[in-house]
Amino acid sequence: MPTIKLVTEIPGPKSQAIIARREAASARGAAKLTNIAVESAVGAAVKDVDGNTLLDFAGGIGMLAVGHCPPTLVDAVKAQAEKMIHNCAIVTTSEPMVELLELLNEIAPIEGPAKTVLMNSGAEAVETAVNIARSYTGRPGIIVFEGAYHGRTNLTLTMTSKYALFKKGFAPFAPEVYRLPFPNLYRKPDAMTEDQFVDYAISQLENALISHVDPSAVAAIVIEPVQGEGGFIVTPERFLKRIRELCSEHGMLMIADEIQCGMGRTGELFAVNHYGIKPDMLTSAKSLGAGLPISAIIGKAEIMDAPHPGGLGGTYSGSPIACAGAIEAIKMINTAQFLERAKQLGERFRKHLLNIQKENEMVGDVRGLGPMLVIEFVKDRKTKEPVSAQEVVAITAAALQKGLIILRSGLYSNCIRLLPPLILTDEQIDEGMEILAEAVRVNTKQGVLG
């Protein structure tokens, strides 16, 4: 039986009424990608206030690897809420927080003894990781990369690459952040092989440690193993390994930002596990909390202990309810069965995307790692000129009309990304991808390839 069941047009009248109230009450700048008002959700199915059931391939922008409202997680949150909603970890200690800290220290790909600090959002986690790195090294500089997204606080917005959508009008930004080119293999020069392009990117990185900033002034290099908002660009293995080598050589810290690409999203618990690399610190959020607001910074114990007592923390950090949910989410994700199924999802999704690419010349690239996949649209495959964001919005809007929730991404906003719950059935994958294929077919100007 199909998951999608539509009884009104999308959006329906009740959704439209609630969205109108939202727009009247909320600041204009608060992002809103669809006009759907949701009443309930289970697994990968979302029911709106008009009684329509939609299929969710957005997953709260990657927050819901375990799906909407998994029963064991709901039970854990209910049980904790009946005992205590909040205590403030600055004042007293709850056992769920301690259990989560211990669990994260155990599973994180960190060399030697690890420690963790909990925060509330991905941006908080990244900013806290930078603070810890600066405290430990006594250095101010932070190196980041083009295409990166790290958050919306002043520091993390400085670290974020995409200007018009995220940064316009919010300057001045934080000092001592150095942005370097990122080896996006899809957009390499035609005259270079992929290996040559990676060599060139490595040489730019090494040269930047002379021309931009001396390594002795750099606290950390912060990198997403798979760029999220940047368009699911997978970091080439040699580039990531060279970062690890340079950090070890010069006393800089390597921070893996796994806010979006971690917690099973790529078919491994952490994306760096694909590379066999161990960073000095790692940030986690999104699917860590299965929809609850929680994030974590995990790192070498010596590094994590650098800030003075009282230098880290927040009123809501370590919320007992969020910790209870995160413990259950990790227990679900960190199993061979879950991760193997995630890889199977990736293979099935990739086949569908490659079929779409085969029949439509406006699809320039299909890429990603495991089930974390993206499809990029271009005006011409040879020039790789991006289509406009409006053209991609037309595709996502057409899919939504048929009951599929899906999101755009990419530095040029010319990509559609897949961030579904990783508990999808094969039938749900096929159902959603048929809708996407048709939306692409109808809303692109170019014909079928011969």
Protein backbone atom coordinates (compact mmCIF):
# COMPACT_ATOMS: atom_id res chain seq x y z
CA MET A 1 0.00 0.00 0.00
CA PRO A 2 1.34 3.47 -0.82
CA THR A 3 2.26 5.76 2.07
CA ILE A 4 0.99 8.92 0.38
CA LYS A 5 -2.73 9.58 0.67
CA LEU A 6 -4.02 12.95 -0.50
CA VAL A 7 -7.54 14.18 0.25
CA THR A 8 -7.03 17.87 -0.59
CA GLU A 9 -4.73 19.89 -2.76
CA ILE A 10 -1.35 20.67 -1.18
CA PRO A 11 -1.42 22.84 0.81
CA GLY A 12 -4.95 22.30 2.03
CA PRO A 13 -7.18 25.03 3.49
CA LYS A 14 -6.31 24.33 7.12
CA SER A 15 -2.58 24.40 6.35
CA GLN A 16 -3.03 27.66 4.49
CA ALA A 17 -4.82 29.19 7.46
CA ILE A 18 -2.09 28.16 9.92
CA ILE A 19 0.66 29.32 7.57
CA ALA A 20 -1.08 32.70 7.27
CA ARG A 21 -1.09 32.97 11.06
CA ARG A 22 2.61 32.02 11.15
CA GLU A 23 3.50 34.67 8.59
CA ALA A 24 1.57 37.30 10.50
CA ALA A 25 3.21 36.42 13.81
CA SER A 26 6.74 35.43 12.77
CA ALA A 27 9.67 37.50 11.56
CA ARG A 28 9.98 37.54 7.77
CA GLY A 29 13.52 36.19 7.87
CA ALA A 30 12.57 32.93 9.59
CA ALA A 31 13.04 30.31 6.88
CA LYS A 32 10.00 28.40 5.59
CA LEU A 33 10.45 25.92 2.75
CA THR A 34 6.90 24.55 2.47
CA ASN A 35 3.36 25.66 3.32
CA ILE A 36 2.49 22.44 5.14
CA ALA A 37 1.16 22.49 8.69
CA VAL A 38 1.81 19.10 10.29
CA GLU A 39 -0.49 17.44 12.81
CA SER A 40 1.43 14.21 13.45
CA ALA A 41 4.19 12.02 12.04
CA VAL A 42 5.31 8.40 12.37
CA GLY A 43 8.27 6.75 10.67
CA ALA A 44 8.56 8.46 7.28
CA ALA A 45 4.88 9.43 7.05
CA VAL A 46 3.70 12.95 7.86
CA LYS A 47 0.03 13.77 8.36
CA ASP A 48 -0.98 17.37 7.84
CA VAL A 49 -3.86 19.25 9.45
CA ASP A 50 -6.03 18.65 6.38
CA GLY A 51 -5.78 14.88 6.67
CA ASN A 52 -3.23 14.36 3.90
CA THR A 53 -0.44 11.83 4.46
CA LEU A 54 2.85 12.80 2.87
CA LEU A 55 6.18 11.00 2.47
CA ASP A 56 9.10 12.72 4.18
CA PHE A 57 12.45 12.74 2.37
CA ALA A 58 13.61 15.86 4.27
CA GLY A 59 13.68 14.36 7.75
CA GLY A 60 13.76 17.70 9.56
CA ILE A 61 16.85 18.61 7.47
CA GLY A 62 18.61 15.46 8.58
CA MET A 63 17.44 15.28 12.18
CA LEU A 64 15.39 12.12 11.92
CA ALA A 65 17.61 9.20 10.98
CA VAL A 66 15.50 6.98 13.25
CA GLY A 67 12.27 8.36 11.82
CA HIS A 68 9.42 10.29 13.37
CA CYS A 69 8.36 9.20 16.86
CA PRO A 70 10.04 5.78 17.22
CA PRO A 71 8.17 4.05 20.07
CA THR A 72 11.16 3.26 22.32
CA LEU A 73 12.38 6.84 22.08
CA VAL A 74 8.93 8.24 22.79
CA ASP A 75 8.64 5.95 25.82
CA ALA A 76 12.04 7.06 27.12
CA VAL A 77 11.13 10.73 26.79
CA LYS A 78 7.76 10.18 28.48
CA ALA A 79 9.35 8.28 31.35
CA GLN A 80 11.93 11.02 31.89
CA ALA A 81 9.32 13.79 31.69
CA GLU A 82 7.34 12.09 34.44
CA LYS A 83 10.43 12.04 36.67
CA MET A 84 11.98 15.44 35.93
CA ILE A 85 11.76 17.83 33.02
CA HIS A 86 14.78 19.99 33.78
CA ASN A 87 17.39 20.48 36.46
CA CYS A 88 20.07 22.64 34.75
CA ALA A 89 23.34 20.71 34.65
CA ILE A 90 25.15 23.76 35.97
CA VAL A 91 23.28 23.33 39.25
CA THR A 92 22.75 19.57 39.66
CA THR A 93 23.47 16.38 37.73
CA SER A 94 21.02 13.98 36.08
CA GLU A 95 21.94 10.38 35.36
CA PRO A 96 20.66 10.49 31.73
CA MET A 97 23.21 13.21 31.01
CA VAL A 98 26.03 11.19 32.52
CA GLU A 99 24.94 8.06 30.63
CA LEU A 100 24.91 9.97 27.34
CA LEU A 101 28.34 11.46 27.99
CA GLU A 102 29.75 8.02 28.70
CA LEU A 103 28.10 6.58 25.61
CA LEU A 104 29.44 9.29 23.31
CA ASN A 105 32.96 8.94 24.74
CA GLU A 106 32.78 5.22 24.02
CA ILE A 107 31.58 5.38 20.42
CA ALA A 108 33.39 8.46 19.09
CA PRO A 109 36.37 7.96 16.73
CA ILE A 110 38.78 9.77 19.05
CA GLU A 111 42.32 8.55 19.81
CA GLY A 112 42.77 7.76 23.50
CA PRO A 113 40.53 8.82 26.40
CA ALA A 114 37.67 11.08 25.31
CA LYS A 115 35.44 13.59 27.04
CA THR A 116 32.23 15.30 25.90
CA VAL A 117 30.36 18.52 26.54
CA LEU A 118 26.69 18.86 25.61
CA MET A 119 25.03 21.89 24.04
CA ASN A 120 21.69 22.57 22.36
CA SER A 121 22.31 23.17 18.65
CA GLY A 122 24.81 22.48 15.92
CA ALA A 123 25.99 26.08 15.85
CA GLU A 124 26.57 26.03 19.61
CA ALA A 125 28.56 22.83 19.24
CA VAL A 126 30.81 24.26 16.52
CA GLU A 127 31.37 27.53 18.37
CA THR A 128 32.13 25.66 21.59
CA ALA A 129 34.58 23.42 19.75
CA VAL A 130 36.38 26.52 18.47
CA ASN A 131 36.48 27.98 21.97
CA ILE A 132 37.98 24.76 23.32
CA ALA A 133 40.56 24.66 20.51
CA ARG A 134 41.61 28.25 21.16
CA SER A 135 41.82 27.61 24.88
CA TYR A 136 43.93 24.48 24.42
CA THR A 137 46.33 25.83 21.79
CA GLY A 138 46.49 29.45 22.85
CA ARG A 139 46.08 30.36 19.17
CA PRO A 140 43.38 32.46 17.50
CA GLY A 141 43.20 31.24 13.88
CA ILE A 142 40.51 28.98 12.45
CA ILE A 143 40.69 27.50 8.94
CA VAL A 144 37.45 26.62 7.12
CA PHE A 145 36.52 25.88 3.50
CA GLU A 146 34.44 27.18 0.64
CA GLY A 147 30.98 25.64 0.56
CA ALA A 148 30.95 24.94 4.29
CA TYR A 149 28.00 25.53 6.57
CA HIS A 150 28.70 25.71 10.31
CA GLY A 151 25.79 27.65 11.82
CA ARG A 152 24.16 31.04 12.36
CA THR A 153 25.86 32.53 15.41
CA ASN A 154 28.26 35.36 14.63
CA LEU A 155 31.32 33.13 14.74
CA THR A 156 29.78 30.16 12.92
CA LEU A 157 28.16 32.48 10.38
CA THR A 158 31.64 33.84 9.73
CA MET A 159 32.79 30.26 9.19
CA THR A 160 29.85 29.55 6.86
CA SER A 161 30.54 30.06 3.15
CA LYS A 162 27.24 30.86 1.39
CA TYR A 163 26.86 34.63 1.60
CA ALA A 164 23.59 35.74 0.02
CA LEU A 165 21.27 33.28 1.76
CA PHE A 166 22.86 33.20 5.21
CA LYS A 167 25.13 36.22 5.75
CA LYS A 168 23.78 39.20 3.83
CA GLY A 169 23.22 42.21 6.08
CA PHE A 170 24.68 40.61 9.21
CA ALA A 171 28.26 41.96 9.11
CA PRO A 172 30.66 42.63 10.75
CA PHE A 173 31.83 39.08 11.23
CA ALA A 174 34.33 37.51 13.60
CA PRO A 175 38.08 37.90 13.03
CA GLU A 176 40.77 35.24 12.57
CA VAL A 177 38.74 32.96 10.28
CA TYR A 178 40.57 31.90 7.11
CA ARG A 179 38.55 30.37 4.24
CA LEU A 180 40.33 28.13 1.75
CA PRO A 181 39.26 26.44 -1.51
CA PHE A 182 37.57 23.05 -1.22
CA PRO A 183 38.20 20.27 -3.77
CA ASN A 184 34.77 19.87 -5.34
CA LEU A 185 35.58 17.13 -7.84
CA TYR A 186 32.49 17.81 -9.95
CA ARG A 187 33.69 21.34 -10.69
CA LYS A 188 37.34 20.57 -11.30
CA PRO A 189 38.98 22.10 -14.39
CA ASP A 190 38.52 19.92 -17.47
CA ALA A 191 42.27 19.84 -18.05
CA MET A 192 42.89 18.13 -14.69
CA THR A 193 42.28 14.58 -13.60
CA GLU A 194 40.66 14.08 -10.22
CA ASP A 195 44.02 13.14 -8.71
CA GLN A 196 45.64 16.24 -10.16
CA PHE A 197 42.84 18.41 -8.80
CA VAL A 198 43.22 16.91 -5.32
CA ASP A 199 46.99 17.50 -5.56
CA TYR A 200 46.28 21.12 -6.48
CA ALA A 201 43.85 21.54 -3.55
CA ILE A 202 46.45 20.12 -1.18
CA SER A 203 49.07 22.51 -2.55
CA GLN A 204 46.67 25.43 -2.01
CA LEU A 205 46.14 24.31 1.57
CA GLU A 206 49.87 24.02 2.19
CA ASN A 207 50.55 27.36 0.52
CA ALA A 208 47.86 29.05 2.62
CA LEU A 209 49.86 28.13 5.71
CA ILE A 210 52.48 30.50 4.33
CA SER A 211 50.49 33.12 2.44
CA HIS A 212 47.39 33.44 4.66
CA VAL A 213 48.38 32.43 8.18
CA ASP A 214 51.26 30.67 9.87
CA PRO A 215 50.42 27.28 11.41
CA SER A 216 51.68 28.57 14.76
CA ALA A 217 48.70 30.96 14.77
CA VAL A 218 46.08 28.33 13.84
CA ALA A 219 44.05 26.71 16.58
CA ALA A 220 42.04 24.36 14.36
CA ILE A 221 41.02 23.29 10.90
CA VAL A 222 37.26 22.71 10.83
CA ILE A 223 35.85 20.57 8.04
CA GLU A 224 32.69 18.68 7.16
CA PRO A 225 33.67 15.21 5.88
CA VAL A 226 30.62 15.56 3.65
CA GLN A 227 29.47 19.14 3.09
CA GLY A 228 25.78 19.51 3.92
CA GLU A 229 24.38 22.82 2.73
CA GLY A 230 27.24 22.95 0.24
CA GLY A 231 25.60 20.17 -1.75
CA PHE A 232 26.72 16.83 -0.24
CA ILE A 233 30.23 17.18 -1.57
CA VAL A 234 32.34 14.32 -0.25
CA THR A 235 35.80 15.34 0.89
CA PRO A 236 38.40 13.44 -1.16
CA GLU A 237 40.24 10.95 1.03
CA ARG A 238 43.75 12.26 0.34
CA PHE A 239 42.67 15.82 1.13
CA LEU A 240 41.18 14.85 4.49
CA LYS A 241 44.21 12.73 5.37
CA ARG A 242 46.53 15.61 4.51
CA ILE A 243 44.57 17.83 6.89
CA ARG A 244 45.09 15.22 9.59
CA GLU A 245 48.83 15.10 8.84
CA LEU A 246 49.24 18.89 8.84
CA CYS A 247 47.34 19.23 12.10
CA SER A 248 49.52 16.60 13.76
CA GLU A 249 52.69 18.17 12.36
CA HIS A 250 51.95 21.75 13.42
CA GLY A 251 49.95 21.32 16.63
CA MET A 252 46.71 22.47 15.01
CA LEU A 253 43.53 20.62 15.96
CA MET A 254 41.39 18.80 13.44
CA ILE A 255 37.67 19.31 14.09
CA ALA A 256 35.22 17.17 12.13
CA ASP A 257 31.86 18.92 11.82
CA GLU A 258 29.45 15.99 11.64
CA ILE A 259 26.30 17.91 12.54
CA GLN A 260 24.58 16.78 9.33
CA CYS A 261 26.73 13.91 8.03
CA GLY A 262 27.05 12.01 11.30
CA MET A 263 24.83 9.59 13.23
CA GLY A 264 24.40 7.00 10.49
CA ARG A 265 23.61 9.46 7.71
CA THR A 266 26.34 8.08 5.42
CA GLY A 267 25.93 4.43 6.38
CA GLU A 268 28.58 4.66 9.10
CA LEU A 269 27.97 5.94 12.62
CA PHE A 270 30.34 8.83 11.86
CA ALA A 271 31.38 9.92 8.36
CA VAL A 272 35.09 9.98 9.29
CA ASN A 273 34.83 6.23 9.85
CA HIS A 274 34.78 5.85 6.05
CA TYR A 275 38.28 7.35 6.00
CA GLY A 276 39.84 5.65 9.01
CA ILE A 277 40.71 9.10 10.34
CA LYS A 278 40.46 10.18 13.96
CA PRO A 279 39.93 13.91 14.51
CA ASP A 280 40.91 15.71 17.69
CA MET A 281 37.32 16.85 18.19
CA LEU A 282 34.01 16.01 16.56
CA THR A 283 30.71 17.85 16.67
CA SER A 284 27.38 16.03 16.55
CA ALA A 285 23.74 17.15 16.54
CA LYS A 286 20.67 16.72 14.31
CA SER A 287 19.96 12.95 14.31
CA LEU A 288 21.76 12.63 17.65
CA GLY A 289 18.59 13.93 19.29
CA ALA A 290 16.04 12.44 16.87
CA GLY A 291 14.29 15.80 16.78
CA LEU A 292 15.10 16.92 20.32
CA PRO A 293 17.40 19.96 20.72
CA ILE A 294 20.79 18.57 21.71
CA SER A 295 24.34 18.65 20.39
CA ALA A 296 27.70 17.36 21.50
CA ILE A 297 31.39 18.12 21.22
CA ILE A 298 33.51 15.02 21.73
CA GLY A 299 37.28 15.19 21.87
CA LYS A 300 40.52 14.08 23.41
CA ALA A 301 40.22 14.39 27.19
CA GLU A 302 43.30 16.60 27.49
CA ILE A 303 41.90 19.03 24.90
CA MET A 304 38.38 19.06 26.31
CA ASP A 305 39.70 19.89 29.78
CA ALA A 306 41.53 23.02 28.58
CA PRO A 307 38.83 25.65 29.32
CA HIS A 308 38.62 26.87 32.91
CA PRO A 309 35.77 25.61 35.13
CA GLY A 310 32.66 27.62 34.26
CA GLY A 311 33.96 28.46 30.80
CA LEU A 312 31.57 25.99 29.14
CA GLY A 313 27.86 25.42 29.66
CA GLY A 314 24.35 26.68 29.12
CA THR A 315 21.08 26.74 31.01
CA TYR A 316 19.46 24.08 28.83
CA SER A 317 22.58 22.08 27.98
CA GLY A 318 22.29 18.46 29.08
CA SER A 319 18.50 18.55 29.30
CA PRO A 320 17.42 15.24 30.90
CA ILE A 321 14.63 14.82 28.34
CA ALA A 322 16.90 15.48 25.36
CA CYS A 323 19.55 13.17 26.83
CA ALA A 324 17.01 10.37 27.31
CA GLY A 325 15.99 10.71 23.67
CA ALA A 326 19.59 10.84 22.43
CA ILE A 327 20.51 7.67 24.31
CA GLU A 328 17.71 5.79 22.58
CA ALA A 329 18.59 7.27 19.19
CA ILE A 330 22.20 6.12 19.51
CA LYS A 331 21.10 2.67 20.60
CA MET A 332 18.96 2.40 17.48
CA ILE A 333 21.54 3.80 15.05
CA ASN A 334 24.68 2.15 16.42
CA THR A 335 23.82 -1.39 15.33
CA ALA A 336 25.14 -3.39 12.43
CA GLN A 337 21.59 -3.99 11.22
CA PHE A 338 20.64 -0.28 11.13
CA LEU A 339 23.87 0.80 9.42
CA GLU A 340 23.71 -2.01 6.88
CA ARG A 341 20.14 -1.06 6.04
CA ALA A 342 21.25 2.57 5.63
CA LYS A 343 23.80 1.45 3.05
CA GLN A 344 21.12 -0.53 1.23
CA LEU A 345 18.93 2.57 1.14
CA GLY A 346 21.81 4.48 -0.40
CA GLU A 347 22.26 1.91 -3.15
CA ARG A 348 18.56 1.94 -4.00
CA PHE A 349 18.34 5.74 -3.96
CA ARG A 350 21.45 6.04 -6.11
CA LYS A 351 20.01 3.75 -8.79
CA HIS A 352 16.90 5.91 -8.99
CA LEU A 353 18.95 9.11 -9.19
CA LEU A 354 21.22 7.70 -11.88
CA ASN A 355 18.15 6.77 -13.91
CA ILE A 356 16.90 10.34 -13.61
CA GLN A 357 20.32 11.58 -14.72
CA LYS A 358 20.34 9.20 -17.67
CA GLU A 359 17.05 10.49 -19.04
CA ASN A 360 17.56 14.21 -18.45
CA GLU A 361 20.52 16.28 -19.62
CA MET A 362 19.88 18.98 -17.01
CA VAL A 363 21.05 16.57 -14.32
CA GLY A 364 24.76 17.24 -14.11
CA ASP A 365 25.80 15.13 -11.15
CA VAL A 366 24.66 12.48 -8.70
CA ARG A 367 26.92 12.23 -5.65
CA GLY A 368 27.16 11.58 -1.96
CA LEU A 369 28.15 8.96 0.54
CA GLY A 370 25.86 6.06 1.43
CA PRO A 371 22.25 7.29 1.67
CA MET A 372 23.38 10.95 1.94
CA LEU A 373 22.82 11.77 -1.73
CA VAL A 374 22.24 14.79 -3.92
CA ILE A 375 21.27 15.47 -7.53
CA GLU A 376 22.66 18.65 -9.12
CA PHE A 377 20.95 20.49 -11.97
CA VAL A 378 22.84 22.45 -14.62
CA LYS A 379 21.94 24.32 -17.78
CA ASP A 380 24.59 22.47 -19.74
CA ARG A 381 26.56 19.39 -18.76
CA LYS A 382 29.71 20.61 -20.45
CA THR A 383 29.84 24.11 -18.95
CA LYS A 384 28.19 22.96 -15.68
CA GLU A 385 26.49 26.34 -15.38
CA PRO A 386 24.01 26.01 -12.49
CA VAL A 387 20.30 26.35 -13.09
CA SER A 388 18.54 29.02 -11.04
CA ALA A 389 17.25 28.34 -7.56
CA GLN A 390 13.74 29.04 -8.88
CA GLU A 391 13.99 26.13 -11.31
CA VAL A 392 14.86 23.74 -8.49
CA VAL A 393 12.07 25.18 -6.34
CA ALA A 394 9.66 24.37 -9.18
CA ILE A 395 10.74 20.73 -8.98
CA THR A 396 10.43 20.51 -5.19
CA ALA A 397 7.04 22.26 -5.35
CA ALA A 398 5.79 19.82 -7.99
CA ALA A 399 6.91 16.89 -5.86
CA LEU A 400 5.16 18.38 -2.84
CA GLN A 401 1.93 18.64 -4.81
CA LYS A 402 2.13 14.86 -5.22
CA GLY A 403 2.86 14.29 -1.53
CA LEU A 404 6.68 14.14 -1.38
CA ILE A 405 8.56 16.48 0.96
CA ILE A 406 12.03 17.17 -0.43
CA LEU A 407 14.64 19.94 -0.09
CA ARG A 408 17.08 21.88 -2.21
CA SER A 409 20.71 22.59 -1.30
CA GLY A 410 24.08 23.48 -2.79
CA LEU A 411 26.25 26.56 -2.98
CA TYR A 412 24.18 27.68 -5.98
CA SER A 413 20.88 26.30 -4.57
CA ASN A 414 20.73 24.09 -7.67
CA CYS A 415 20.65 20.70 -5.96
CA ILE A 416 18.01 18.45 -4.43
CA ARG A 417 19.21 16.50 -1.41
CA LEU A 418 17.96 13.35 0.22
CA LEU A 419 17.81 13.39 4.03
CA PRO A 420 15.05 10.86 4.70
CA PRO A 421 14.49 8.78 7.79
CA LEU A 422 16.76 5.77 7.45
CA ILE A 423 13.94 3.41 8.36
CA LEU A 424 12.27 3.66 4.94
CA THR A 425 10.96 0.55 3.21
CA ASP A 426 11.97 -0.24 -0.36
CA GLU A 427 8.38 0.51 -1.38
CA GLN A 428 8.55 3.97 0.18
CA ILE A 429 11.81 4.71 -1.62
CA ASP A 430 10.33 3.66 -4.97
CA GLU A 431 7.13 5.60 -4.30
CA GLY A 432 8.95 8.81 -3.52
CA MET A 433 11.51 8.51 -6.29
CA GLU A 434 8.83 7.95 -8.92
CA ILE A 435 7.32 11.27 -7.86
CA LEU A 436 10.70 13.00 -7.96
CA ALA A 437 11.48 11.57 -11.40
CA GLU A 438 8.19 12.84 -12.76
CA ALA A 439 8.66 16.26 -11.16
CA VAL A 440 12.08 16.52 -12.83
CA ARG A 441 10.68 15.32 -16.13
CA VAL A 442 7.85 17.86 -16.18
CA ASN A 443 9.76 20.83 -14.82
CA THR A 444 12.94 20.78 -16.89
CA LYS A 445 13.27 22.32 -20.31
CA GLN A 446 15.53 19.77 -21.91
CA GLY A 447 14.49 16.52 -23.49
CA VAL A 448 15.48 12.92 -23.02
CA LEU A 449 19.02 11.99 -23.96
CA GLY A 450 19.44 9.68 -26.92
